[in-house]
Amino acid sequence: AVTPVATPAVVQGSGEGATVARALIVRGRVERVGADGNRQRIRSGAPLREGDVVATGRLAHTVLAFTDGTRATVQPDSRLAVEAYRLAPAAVDAERIRLRVQDGGARIATGGISQRRFTNARFATPVATIGVRGTGFDLVEAAECGGEPAPTERPGLTASVWAGTIEFEETKTLVPAGSTVCVLEPGQVPKPVK
C-alpha cells in the first residue's frame, strides 16, 4: 500500500547518523543498506542517512524526500547511494548533495542545495557525473544508444531533462529541458535520442 508522510523538517548539516531524507512513498520491497552493510526493509517515513544505499525490488519503487527539498524516485530493480549530504543554508560553501545511481534508474527533482549553488549538487552513475542547474531529470540504465550496443557488460545511461539544465561533467556538455541523450561509456559526448 502507498502511504505518504509529511516532508521532513530541515536539519542543519548531516552529522554522524543524522537523518538526511525520509521515504515518502514505499511500494513493494525496498531496503536500506547502511554504511555498515546491514540491510533493513523500509516503510513510508523511514529515515535515511549519509552512506545509506536504497535498493528496490523487481516490482518496487520509492520516493525519497531530502531535507533541502530534493526528491528522488528510485525505480524498480535499482540502487541509489547517498554518498554525501550536508544542508547548511547559512554556510552555502559547506552545503553538498551527492547521490549515485549504482544500478537501474531514478527521477530527480533538485532542491535548495542546488538552487543556492548548483555546483554543490552532483548525481553520479557508472558512466557519467551529472551537474545540475535547478533541474528535474531522469537517469536510466541503457543497453544501447542510437542502435549502438553498450561496449561492455556495464550498461550505458539515458538522461531525460524535464526542467532546467544538466551538465555531463566529463565532457562539459549541457543538456537543456526537453532533451533526452545517451552515453555508453565514461567520457563519451552524450548523443541526442530521437
N, C-alpha and C. Protein backbone atom coordinates (compact mmCIF):
# COMPACT_ATOMS: atom_id res chain seq x y z
N ALA A 1 0.84 -1.19 0.00
CA ALA A 1 0.00 0.00 0.00
C ALA A 1 0.87 1.24 0.00
N VAL A 2 0.39 2.30 -0.62
CA VAL A 2 1.12 3.56 -0.68
C VAL A 2 0.64 4.43 0.47
N THR A 3 1.58 4.90 1.30
CA THR A 3 1.25 5.74 2.43
C THR A 3 2.16 6.95 2.44
N PRO A 4 1.67 8.13 2.00
CA PRO A 4 2.52 9.32 2.03
C PRO A 4 2.69 9.81 3.47
N VAL A 5 3.82 10.45 3.72
CA VAL A 5 4.07 11.05 5.03
C VAL A 5 4.49 12.49 4.82
N ALA A 6 4.50 13.26 5.89
CA ALA A 6 4.87 14.67 5.80
C ALA A 6 6.32 14.83 5.41
N THR A 7 6.64 15.94 4.76
CA THR A 7 8.01 16.27 4.40
C THR A 7 8.82 16.47 5.67
N PRO A 8 10.05 15.94 5.75
CA PRO A 8 10.85 16.07 6.96
C PRO A 8 11.26 17.51 7.22
N ALA A 9 11.47 17.81 8.49
CA ALA A 9 11.95 19.14 8.87
C ALA A 9 13.40 19.31 8.44
N VAL A 10 13.83 20.57 8.28
CA VAL A 10 15.20 20.86 7.86
C VAL A 10 16.17 20.51 8.98
N VAL A 11 17.25 19.85 8.63
CA VAL A 11 18.32 19.50 9.56
C VAL A 11 19.54 20.29 9.14
N GLN A 12 20.19 20.98 10.04
CA GLN A 12 21.39 21.73 9.70
C GLN A 12 22.58 20.77 9.72
N GLY A 13 23.17 20.54 8.57
CA GLY A 13 24.29 19.61 8.47
C GLY A 13 23.81 18.18 8.56
N SER A 14 24.70 17.25 8.31
CA SER A 14 24.28 15.86 8.39
C SER A 14 24.70 15.25 9.71
N GLY A 15 25.92 15.47 10.14
CA GLY A 15 26.36 14.90 11.40
C GLY A 15 26.32 13.39 11.36
N GLU A 16 26.98 12.77 12.28
CA GLU A 16 27.04 11.31 12.35
C GLU A 16 25.65 10.75 12.64
N GLY A 17 25.10 9.99 11.70
CA GLY A 17 23.83 9.32 11.90
C GLY A 17 22.61 10.20 11.78
N ALA A 18 22.76 11.46 11.37
CA ALA A 18 21.60 12.35 11.26
C ALA A 18 20.73 11.95 10.08
N THR A 19 19.44 12.16 10.21
CA THR A 19 18.50 11.90 9.13
C THR A 19 18.67 12.97 8.06
N VAL A 20 18.92 12.55 6.80
CA VAL A 20 19.07 13.49 5.69
C VAL A 20 17.90 13.41 4.73
N ALA A 21 17.11 12.34 4.83
CA ALA A 21 15.94 12.16 3.97
C ALA A 21 15.00 11.16 4.64
N ARG A 22 13.80 11.12 4.12
CA ARG A 22 12.82 10.12 4.54
C ARG A 22 12.17 9.52 3.31
N ALA A 23 11.74 8.28 3.43
CA ALA A 23 10.99 7.62 2.37
C ALA A 23 9.55 8.12 2.46
N LEU A 24 9.11 8.90 1.49
CA LEU A 24 7.74 9.41 1.49
C LEU A 24 6.76 8.32 1.09
N ILE A 25 7.10 7.62 0.01
CA ILE A 25 6.25 6.55 -0.51
C ILE A 25 7.13 5.33 -0.70
N VAL A 26 6.64 4.19 -0.26
CA VAL A 26 7.35 2.92 -0.47
C VAL A 26 6.33 1.95 -1.03
N ARG A 27 6.63 1.41 -2.19
CA ARG A 27 5.75 0.43 -2.81
C ARG A 27 6.58 -0.80 -3.14
N GLY A 28 6.17 -1.96 -2.63
CA GLY A 28 6.91 -3.19 -2.84
C GLY A 28 8.08 -3.31 -1.88
N ARG A 29 9.02 -4.19 -2.22
CA ARG A 29 10.15 -4.45 -1.33
C ARG A 29 11.27 -3.43 -1.58
N VAL A 30 11.52 -2.60 -0.57
CA VAL A 30 12.57 -1.60 -0.62
C VAL A 30 13.42 -1.77 0.63
N GLU A 31 14.73 -1.81 0.44
CA GLU A 31 15.65 -1.99 1.56
C GLU A 31 16.64 -0.84 1.65
N ARG A 32 17.06 -0.57 2.87
CA ARG A 32 18.16 0.36 3.12
C ARG A 32 19.36 -0.49 3.52
N VAL A 33 20.47 -0.26 2.84
CA VAL A 33 21.73 -0.91 3.18
C VAL A 33 22.59 0.17 3.83
N GLY A 34 22.86 0.01 5.12
CA GLY A 34 23.63 1.01 5.85
C GLY A 34 25.10 0.96 5.48
N ALA A 35 25.84 1.99 5.91
CA ALA A 35 27.28 2.05 5.66
C ALA A 35 27.98 0.84 6.26
N ASP A 36 27.37 0.21 7.28
CA ASP A 36 27.95 -0.98 7.92
C ASP A 36 27.58 -2.27 7.19
N GLY A 37 26.80 -2.17 6.08
CA GLY A 37 26.40 -3.34 5.31
C GLY A 37 25.12 -3.98 5.80
N ASN A 38 24.58 -3.49 6.88
CA ASN A 38 23.34 -4.02 7.45
C ASN A 38 22.16 -3.69 6.55
N ARG A 39 21.34 -4.69 6.20
CA ARG A 39 20.17 -4.50 5.33
C ARG A 39 18.91 -4.45 6.19
N GLN A 40 18.02 -3.51 5.84
CA GLN A 40 16.77 -3.38 6.59
C GLN A 40 15.67 -2.96 5.63
N ARG A 41 14.56 -3.69 5.66
CA ARG A 41 13.41 -3.30 4.83
C ARG A 41 12.85 -2.00 5.38
N ILE A 42 12.47 -1.10 4.47
CA ILE A 42 11.95 0.19 4.93
C ILE A 42 10.50 0.36 4.53
N ARG A 43 9.82 1.21 5.27
CA ARG A 43 8.43 1.56 5.02
C ARG A 43 8.34 3.08 4.91
N SER A 44 7.18 3.59 4.53
CA SER A 44 6.97 5.03 4.45
C SER A 44 7.34 5.68 5.77
N GLY A 45 8.08 6.79 5.68
CA GLY A 45 8.52 7.52 6.87
C GLY A 45 9.89 7.12 7.36
N ALA A 46 10.46 6.05 6.82
CA ALA A 46 11.77 5.58 7.28
C ALA A 46 12.85 6.62 7.01
N PRO A 47 13.75 6.83 7.98
CA PRO A 47 14.84 7.79 7.78
C PRO A 47 15.97 7.21 6.95
N LEU A 48 16.70 8.10 6.26
CA LEU A 48 17.91 7.73 5.54
C LEU A 48 19.04 8.61 6.04
N ARG A 49 20.25 8.07 6.01
CA ARG A 49 21.43 8.78 6.48
C ARG A 49 22.50 8.79 5.40
N GLU A 50 23.44 9.69 5.54
CA GLU A 50 24.58 9.72 4.64
C GLU A 50 25.26 8.35 4.69
N GLY A 51 25.60 7.81 3.52
CA GLY A 51 26.23 6.50 3.45
C GLY A 51 25.25 5.36 3.17
N ASP A 52 23.94 5.60 3.31
CA ASP A 52 22.94 4.57 3.04
C ASP A 52 22.79 4.35 1.54
N VAL A 53 22.40 3.13 1.18
CA VAL A 53 22.04 2.77 -0.19
C VAL A 53 20.60 2.28 -0.14
N VAL A 54 19.76 2.79 -1.03
CA VAL A 54 18.37 2.34 -1.13
C VAL A 54 18.30 1.37 -2.31
N ALA A 55 17.78 0.16 -2.04
CA ALA A 55 17.69 -0.88 -3.07
C ALA A 55 16.22 -1.27 -3.24
N THR A 56 15.73 -1.21 -4.48
CA THR A 56 14.34 -1.57 -4.76
C THR A 56 14.29 -2.94 -5.43
N GLY A 57 13.21 -3.66 -5.17
CA GLY A 57 12.99 -4.96 -5.78
C GLY A 57 12.41 -4.83 -7.18
N ARG A 58 12.12 -5.97 -7.79
CA ARG A 58 11.69 -6.04 -9.18
C ARG A 58 10.41 -5.23 -9.45
N LEU A 59 9.47 -5.24 -8.55
CA LEU A 59 8.21 -4.52 -8.75
C LEU A 59 8.05 -3.38 -7.75
N ALA A 60 9.15 -2.85 -7.26
CA ALA A 60 9.11 -1.85 -6.20
C ALA A 60 9.63 -0.50 -6.67
N HIS A 61 9.25 0.54 -5.94
CA HIS A 61 9.84 1.87 -6.13
C HIS A 61 9.62 2.66 -4.84
N THR A 62 10.36 3.75 -4.69
CA THR A 62 10.20 4.61 -3.53
C THR A 62 10.48 6.05 -3.92
N VAL A 63 9.83 6.96 -3.21
CA VAL A 63 10.08 8.39 -3.36
C VAL A 63 10.77 8.86 -2.09
N LEU A 64 11.97 9.43 -2.25
CA LEU A 64 12.74 9.93 -1.11
C LEU A 64 12.66 11.45 -1.07
N ALA A 65 12.46 12.00 0.13
CA ALA A 65 12.41 13.46 0.32
C ALA A 65 13.60 13.86 1.17
N PHE A 66 14.52 14.62 0.59
CA PHE A 66 15.69 15.11 1.32
C PHE A 66 15.33 16.40 2.04
N THR A 67 16.06 16.70 3.09
CA THR A 67 15.72 17.85 3.94
C THR A 67 15.85 19.19 3.23
N ASP A 68 16.52 19.25 2.09
CA ASP A 68 16.60 20.51 1.32
C ASP A 68 15.48 20.62 0.29
N GLY A 69 14.61 19.62 0.21
CA GLY A 69 13.53 19.63 -0.76
C GLY A 69 13.79 18.79 -2.00
N THR A 70 15.00 18.28 -2.17
CA THR A 70 15.30 17.38 -3.29
C THR A 70 14.41 16.14 -3.18
N ARG A 71 13.90 15.68 -4.31
CA ARG A 71 13.12 14.44 -4.35
C ARG A 71 13.81 13.48 -5.31
N ALA A 72 13.87 12.21 -4.91
CA ALA A 72 14.43 11.17 -5.77
C ALA A 72 13.46 10.00 -5.79
N THR A 73 12.99 9.65 -6.97
CA THR A 73 12.15 8.46 -7.13
C THR A 73 13.06 7.35 -7.64
N VAL A 74 13.23 6.33 -6.82
CA VAL A 74 14.10 5.20 -7.18
C VAL A 74 13.22 4.16 -7.85
N GLN A 75 13.55 3.83 -9.11
CA GLN A 75 12.75 2.94 -9.92
C GLN A 75 12.95 1.48 -9.53
N PRO A 76 12.11 0.56 -10.07
CA PRO A 76 12.27 -0.87 -9.77
C PRO A 76 13.66 -1.39 -10.15
N ASP A 77 14.13 -2.38 -9.39
CA ASP A 77 15.43 -3.03 -9.63
C ASP A 77 16.57 -2.01 -9.69
N SER A 78 16.59 -1.08 -8.76
CA SER A 78 17.58 -0.01 -8.77
C SER A 78 18.25 0.13 -7.41
N ARG A 79 19.41 0.79 -7.43
CA ARG A 79 20.15 1.11 -6.20
C ARG A 79 20.61 2.56 -6.28
N LEU A 80 20.27 3.34 -5.24
CA LEU A 80 20.67 4.74 -5.15
C LEU A 80 21.43 4.93 -3.85
N ALA A 81 22.67 5.44 -3.95
CA ALA A 81 23.51 5.67 -2.77
C ALA A 81 23.50 7.15 -2.39
N VAL A 82 23.39 7.41 -1.09
CA VAL A 82 23.52 8.77 -0.56
C VAL A 82 24.99 8.91 -0.16
N GLU A 83 25.81 9.37 -1.10
CA GLU A 83 27.26 9.43 -0.86
C GLU A 83 27.67 10.58 0.05
N ALA A 84 27.03 11.73 -0.11
CA ALA A 84 27.37 12.89 0.72
C ALA A 84 26.15 13.79 0.83
N TYR A 85 25.97 14.36 2.01
CA TYR A 85 24.86 15.28 2.21
C TYR A 85 25.16 16.21 3.38
N ARG A 86 25.02 17.49 3.13
CA ARG A 86 25.13 18.49 4.20
C ARG A 86 24.26 19.67 3.82
N LEU A 87 23.33 20.01 4.69
CA LEU A 87 22.44 21.15 4.50
C LEU A 87 22.86 22.24 5.47
N ALA A 88 23.27 23.38 4.94
CA ALA A 88 23.75 24.50 5.77
C ALA A 88 23.45 25.81 5.06
N PRO A 89 22.17 26.24 5.01
CA PRO A 89 21.82 27.46 4.26
C PRO A 89 22.61 28.70 4.68
N ALA A 90 23.05 28.75 5.93
CA ALA A 90 23.83 29.92 6.39
C ALA A 90 25.29 29.84 5.98
N ALA A 91 25.73 28.68 5.49
CA ALA A 91 27.12 28.47 5.06
C ALA A 91 27.09 27.72 3.73
N VAL A 92 26.64 28.39 2.68
CA VAL A 92 26.40 27.76 1.38
C VAL A 92 27.63 27.02 0.86
N ASP A 93 28.83 27.53 1.14
CA ASP A 93 30.06 26.86 0.67
C ASP A 93 30.18 25.45 1.24
N ALA A 94 29.58 25.20 2.40
CA ALA A 94 29.69 23.89 3.06
C ALA A 94 28.61 22.91 2.62
N GLU A 95 27.60 23.39 1.92
CA GLU A 95 26.50 22.51 1.53
C GLU A 95 26.93 21.55 0.43
N ARG A 96 26.29 20.36 0.43
CA ARG A 96 26.56 19.40 -0.64
C ARG A 96 25.48 18.32 -0.65
N ILE A 97 25.20 17.83 -1.85
CA ILE A 97 24.40 16.63 -2.02
C ILE A 97 25.05 15.86 -3.16
N ARG A 98 25.34 14.59 -2.90
CA ARG A 98 25.90 13.72 -3.94
C ARG A 98 25.19 12.37 -3.83
N LEU A 99 24.43 12.07 -4.88
CA LEU A 99 23.72 10.80 -4.97
C LEU A 99 24.31 10.02 -6.13
N ARG A 100 24.34 8.69 -6.00
CA ARG A 100 24.88 7.84 -7.07
C ARG A 100 23.86 6.76 -7.42
N VAL A 101 23.45 6.75 -8.69
CA VAL A 101 22.61 5.67 -9.20
C VAL A 101 23.56 4.52 -9.54
N GLN A 102 23.60 3.51 -8.66
CA GLN A 102 24.53 2.39 -8.86
C GLN A 102 24.01 1.41 -9.91
N ASP A 103 22.70 1.19 -9.91
CA ASP A 103 22.03 0.29 -10.85
C ASP A 103 20.64 0.83 -11.11
N GLY A 104 20.09 0.55 -12.29
CA GLY A 104 18.71 0.91 -12.56
C GLY A 104 18.54 2.36 -12.92
N GLY A 105 17.54 3.01 -12.30
CA GLY A 105 17.25 4.39 -12.66
C GLY A 105 16.61 5.16 -11.52
N ALA A 106 16.59 6.49 -11.69
CA ALA A 106 15.98 7.38 -10.70
C ALA A 106 15.50 8.64 -11.39
N ARG A 107 14.46 9.22 -10.84
CA ARG A 107 13.96 10.54 -11.28
C ARG A 107 14.32 11.51 -10.16
N ILE A 108 14.95 12.62 -10.52
CA ILE A 108 15.45 13.58 -9.54
C ILE A 108 14.81 14.95 -9.79
N ALA A 109 14.32 15.58 -8.73
CA ALA A 109 13.91 16.98 -8.75
C ALA A 109 14.75 17.66 -7.68
N THR A 110 15.62 18.57 -8.09
CA THR A 110 16.58 19.16 -7.14
C THR A 110 15.91 20.15 -6.21
N GLY A 111 16.56 20.37 -5.06
CA GLY A 111 16.03 21.24 -4.01
C GLY A 111 16.93 22.42 -3.71
N GLY A 112 16.89 22.84 -2.45
CA GLY A 112 17.55 24.06 -2.01
C GLY A 112 19.05 24.10 -2.19
N ILE A 113 19.74 22.99 -1.97
CA ILE A 113 21.20 22.99 -2.11
C ILE A 113 21.57 23.37 -3.54
N SER A 114 20.93 22.76 -4.51
CA SER A 114 21.20 23.07 -5.92
C SER A 114 20.76 24.48 -6.27
N GLN A 115 19.65 24.94 -5.71
CA GLN A 115 19.16 26.28 -6.02
C GLN A 115 20.08 27.37 -5.48
N ARG A 116 20.67 27.14 -4.30
CA ARG A 116 21.58 28.14 -3.74
C ARG A 116 22.92 28.17 -4.45
N ARG A 117 23.45 26.99 -4.80
CA ARG A 117 24.71 26.91 -5.54
C ARG A 117 24.71 25.58 -6.29
N PHE A 118 24.47 25.65 -7.60
CA PHE A 118 24.31 24.42 -8.38
C PHE A 118 25.55 23.54 -8.36
N THR A 119 26.73 24.11 -8.15
CA THR A 119 27.94 23.29 -8.14
C THR A 119 28.04 22.42 -6.89
N ASN A 120 27.18 22.61 -5.91
CA ASN A 120 27.19 21.79 -4.69
C ASN A 120 26.37 20.51 -4.84
N ALA A 121 25.72 20.33 -5.98
CA ALA A 121 24.88 19.15 -6.21
C ALA A 121 25.46 18.31 -7.34
N ARG A 122 25.66 17.03 -7.09
CA ARG A 122 26.19 16.10 -8.09
C ARG A 122 25.42 14.79 -8.02
N PHE A 123 25.16 14.24 -9.22
CA PHE A 123 24.43 12.98 -9.33
C PHE A 123 25.26 12.09 -10.24
N ALA A 124 25.74 10.99 -9.71
CA ALA A 124 26.68 10.13 -10.44
C ALA A 124 26.03 8.83 -10.87
N THR A 125 26.59 8.25 -11.94
CA THR A 125 26.21 6.94 -12.45
C THR A 125 27.50 6.22 -12.80
N PRO A 126 27.43 4.95 -13.19
CA PRO A 126 28.67 4.27 -13.58
C PRO A 126 29.37 4.89 -14.79
N VAL A 127 28.65 5.64 -15.64
CA VAL A 127 29.29 6.18 -16.85
C VAL A 127 29.39 7.70 -16.91
N ALA A 128 28.75 8.42 -15.99
CA ALA A 128 28.80 9.88 -16.05
C ALA A 128 28.44 10.50 -14.70
N THR A 129 28.95 11.70 -14.47
CA THR A 129 28.56 12.51 -13.33
C THR A 129 27.78 13.70 -13.86
N ILE A 130 26.63 13.95 -13.25
CA ILE A 130 25.72 14.98 -13.72
C ILE A 130 25.72 16.14 -12.74
N GLY A 131 25.99 17.35 -13.26
CA GLY A 131 25.81 18.57 -12.50
C GLY A 131 24.46 19.16 -12.87
N VAL A 132 23.88 19.96 -12.00
CA VAL A 132 22.52 20.43 -12.24
C VAL A 132 22.42 21.94 -12.11
N ARG A 133 21.33 22.46 -12.65
CA ARG A 133 21.02 23.89 -12.57
C ARG A 133 19.51 24.02 -12.40
N GLY A 134 19.01 23.89 -11.15
CA GLY A 134 17.58 23.99 -10.87
C GLY A 134 16.76 23.03 -11.70
N THR A 135 16.96 21.77 -11.49
CA THR A 135 16.66 20.78 -12.50
C THR A 135 15.75 19.66 -12.05
N GLY A 136 15.03 19.11 -13.03
CA GLY A 136 14.31 17.85 -12.89
C GLY A 136 14.74 16.97 -14.04
N PHE A 137 15.12 15.73 -13.73
CA PHE A 137 15.63 14.85 -14.78
C PHE A 137 15.49 13.39 -14.38
N ASP A 138 15.55 12.51 -15.37
CA ASP A 138 15.50 11.06 -15.18
C ASP A 138 16.82 10.46 -15.66
N LEU A 139 17.35 9.52 -14.89
CA LEU A 139 18.54 8.76 -15.27
C LEU A 139 18.16 7.29 -15.29
N VAL A 140 18.42 6.62 -16.42
CA VAL A 140 18.05 5.22 -16.57
C VAL A 140 19.17 4.48 -17.28
N GLU A 141 19.48 3.26 -16.80
CA GLU A 141 20.45 2.42 -17.50
C GLU A 141 19.99 2.16 -18.92
N ALA A 142 20.95 2.08 -19.85
CA ALA A 142 20.63 1.84 -21.25
C ALA A 142 21.58 0.80 -21.83
N ALA A 143 21.03 -0.24 -22.45
CA ALA A 143 21.85 -1.28 -23.08
C ALA A 143 22.34 -0.86 -24.45
N GLU A 144 21.70 0.19 -25.01
CA GLU A 144 22.10 0.68 -26.33
C GLU A 144 21.83 2.18 -26.41
N CYS A 145 22.47 2.80 -27.42
CA CYS A 145 22.33 4.24 -27.63
C CYS A 145 22.28 4.48 -29.13
N GLY A 146 21.13 4.90 -29.65
CA GLY A 146 21.00 5.14 -31.08
C GLY A 146 21.27 3.90 -31.91
N GLY A 147 20.89 2.74 -31.39
CA GLY A 147 21.10 1.48 -32.11
C GLY A 147 22.46 0.85 -31.86
N GLU A 148 23.36 1.56 -31.19
CA GLU A 148 24.70 1.03 -30.89
C GLU A 148 24.67 0.38 -29.50
N PRO A 149 25.05 -0.92 -29.40
CA PRO A 149 25.04 -1.57 -28.09
C PRO A 149 26.17 -1.07 -27.19
N ALA A 150 25.95 -1.17 -25.89
CA ALA A 150 26.99 -0.82 -24.93
C ALA A 150 28.20 -1.73 -25.18
N PRO A 151 29.43 -1.17 -25.14
CA PRO A 151 30.62 -1.95 -25.49
C PRO A 151 31.08 -2.92 -24.40
N THR A 152 30.51 -2.83 -23.21
CA THR A 152 30.91 -3.72 -22.11
C THR A 152 29.68 -4.31 -21.46
N GLU A 153 29.90 -5.12 -20.43
CA GLU A 153 28.78 -5.68 -19.67
C GLU A 153 28.03 -4.59 -18.93
N ARG A 154 28.72 -3.51 -18.59
CA ARG A 154 28.10 -2.41 -17.86
C ARG A 154 27.21 -1.61 -18.81
N PRO A 155 25.95 -1.37 -18.41
CA PRO A 155 25.07 -0.61 -19.29
C PRO A 155 25.46 0.85 -19.35
N GLY A 156 24.99 1.51 -20.39
CA GLY A 156 25.17 2.95 -20.53
C GLY A 156 24.09 3.69 -19.76
N LEU A 157 23.81 4.92 -20.19
CA LEU A 157 22.89 5.79 -19.47
C LEU A 157 22.07 6.60 -20.45
N THR A 158 20.76 6.70 -20.17
CA THR A 158 19.89 7.64 -20.86
C THR A 158 19.48 8.69 -19.85
N ALA A 159 19.60 9.96 -20.21
CA ALA A 159 19.20 11.06 -19.34
C ALA A 159 18.15 11.90 -20.07
N SER A 160 17.00 12.09 -19.43
CA SER A 160 15.93 12.93 -19.96
C SER A 160 15.73 14.11 -19.02
N VAL A 161 15.81 15.32 -19.55
CA VAL A 161 15.69 16.53 -18.74
C VAL A 161 14.31 17.12 -18.95
N TRP A 162 13.56 17.33 -17.87
CA TRP A 162 12.22 17.89 -18.00
C TRP A 162 12.10 19.26 -17.35
N ALA A 163 13.14 19.72 -16.66
CA ALA A 163 13.16 21.08 -16.11
C ALA A 163 14.61 21.51 -15.93
N GLY A 164 14.94 22.74 -16.29
CA GLY A 164 16.29 23.24 -16.09
C GLY A 164 17.28 22.66 -17.09
N THR A 165 18.51 22.51 -16.63
CA THR A 165 19.62 22.02 -17.47
C THR A 165 20.51 21.11 -16.65
N ILE A 166 21.05 20.07 -17.28
CA ILE A 166 22.08 19.25 -16.63
C ILE A 166 23.38 19.40 -17.40
N GLU A 167 24.49 19.08 -16.72
CA GLU A 167 25.80 19.11 -17.37
C GLU A 167 26.48 17.77 -17.16
N PHE A 168 26.93 17.15 -18.24
CA PHE A 168 27.78 15.97 -18.14
C PHE A 168 29.18 16.50 -17.85
N GLU A 169 29.65 16.32 -16.62
CA GLU A 169 30.89 16.95 -16.18
C GLU A 169 32.11 16.51 -16.97
N GLU A 170 32.18 15.24 -17.34
CA GLU A 170 33.36 14.73 -18.03
C GLU A 170 33.58 15.41 -19.38
N THR A 171 32.50 15.78 -20.07
CA THR A 171 32.62 16.38 -21.40
C THR A 171 32.15 17.84 -21.42
N LYS A 172 31.71 18.35 -20.28
CA LYS A 172 31.21 19.74 -20.17
C LYS A 172 30.06 19.98 -21.14
N THR A 173 29.23 18.96 -21.35
CA THR A 173 28.10 19.05 -22.26
C THR A 173 26.84 19.44 -21.49
N LEU A 174 26.20 20.54 -21.92
CA LEU A 174 24.95 20.98 -21.31
C LEU A 174 23.78 20.37 -22.06
N VAL A 175 22.77 19.90 -21.30
CA VAL A 175 21.57 19.30 -21.88
C VAL A 175 20.36 20.04 -21.31
N PRO A 176 19.63 20.79 -22.15
CA PRO A 176 18.50 21.59 -21.67
C PRO A 176 17.21 20.79 -21.51
N ALA A 177 16.23 21.41 -20.85
CA ALA A 177 14.91 20.81 -20.69
C ALA A 177 14.33 20.44 -22.05
N GLY A 178 13.61 19.33 -22.09
CA GLY A 178 13.01 18.85 -23.33
C GLY A 178 13.92 17.96 -24.13
N SER A 179 15.13 17.69 -23.62
CA SER A 179 16.11 16.86 -24.34
C SER A 179 16.31 15.52 -23.66
N THR A 180 16.59 14.51 -24.48
CA THR A 180 16.98 13.19 -24.00
C THR A 180 18.26 12.82 -24.72
N VAL A 181 19.26 12.37 -23.96
CA VAL A 181 20.55 11.98 -24.52
C VAL A 181 20.97 10.64 -23.93
N CYS A 182 21.98 10.02 -24.55
CA CYS A 182 22.51 8.78 -24.01
C CYS A 182 24.02 8.75 -24.15
N VAL A 183 24.66 7.99 -23.26
CA VAL A 183 26.10 7.72 -23.32
C VAL A 183 26.30 6.25 -23.00
N LEU A 184 27.34 5.66 -23.60
CA LEU A 184 27.59 4.24 -23.39
C LEU A 184 28.82 3.97 -22.53
N GLU A 185 29.73 4.93 -22.46
CA GLU A 185 30.94 4.72 -21.67
C GLU A 185 31.45 6.05 -21.13
N PRO A 186 32.25 6.00 -20.05
CA PRO A 186 32.76 7.22 -19.45
C PRO A 186 33.51 8.09 -20.47
N GLY A 187 33.29 9.40 -20.39
CA GLY A 187 33.99 10.33 -21.26
C GLY A 187 33.37 10.53 -22.62
N GLN A 188 32.35 9.76 -22.95
CA GLN A 188 31.70 9.89 -24.26
C GLN A 188 30.80 11.14 -24.26
N VAL A 189 30.83 11.89 -25.35
CA VAL A 189 29.93 13.03 -25.51
C VAL A 189 28.51 12.48 -25.67
N PRO A 190 27.55 13.00 -24.90
CA PRO A 190 26.18 12.50 -25.00
C PRO A 190 25.60 12.66 -26.40
N LYS A 191 24.87 11.63 -26.83
CA LYS A 191 24.21 11.65 -28.15
C LYS A 191 22.73 11.91 -27.96
N PRO A 192 22.14 12.79 -28.79
CA PRO A 192 20.68 13.01 -28.70
C PRO A 192 19.92 11.74 -29.04
N VAL A 193 18.83 11.51 -28.33
CA VAL A 193 17.93 10.38 -28.61
C VAL A 193 16.71 10.95 -29.32
N LYS A 194 16.38 10.37 -30.42
CA LYS A 194 15.26 10.86 -31.24
C LYS A 194 13.97 10.23 -30.78
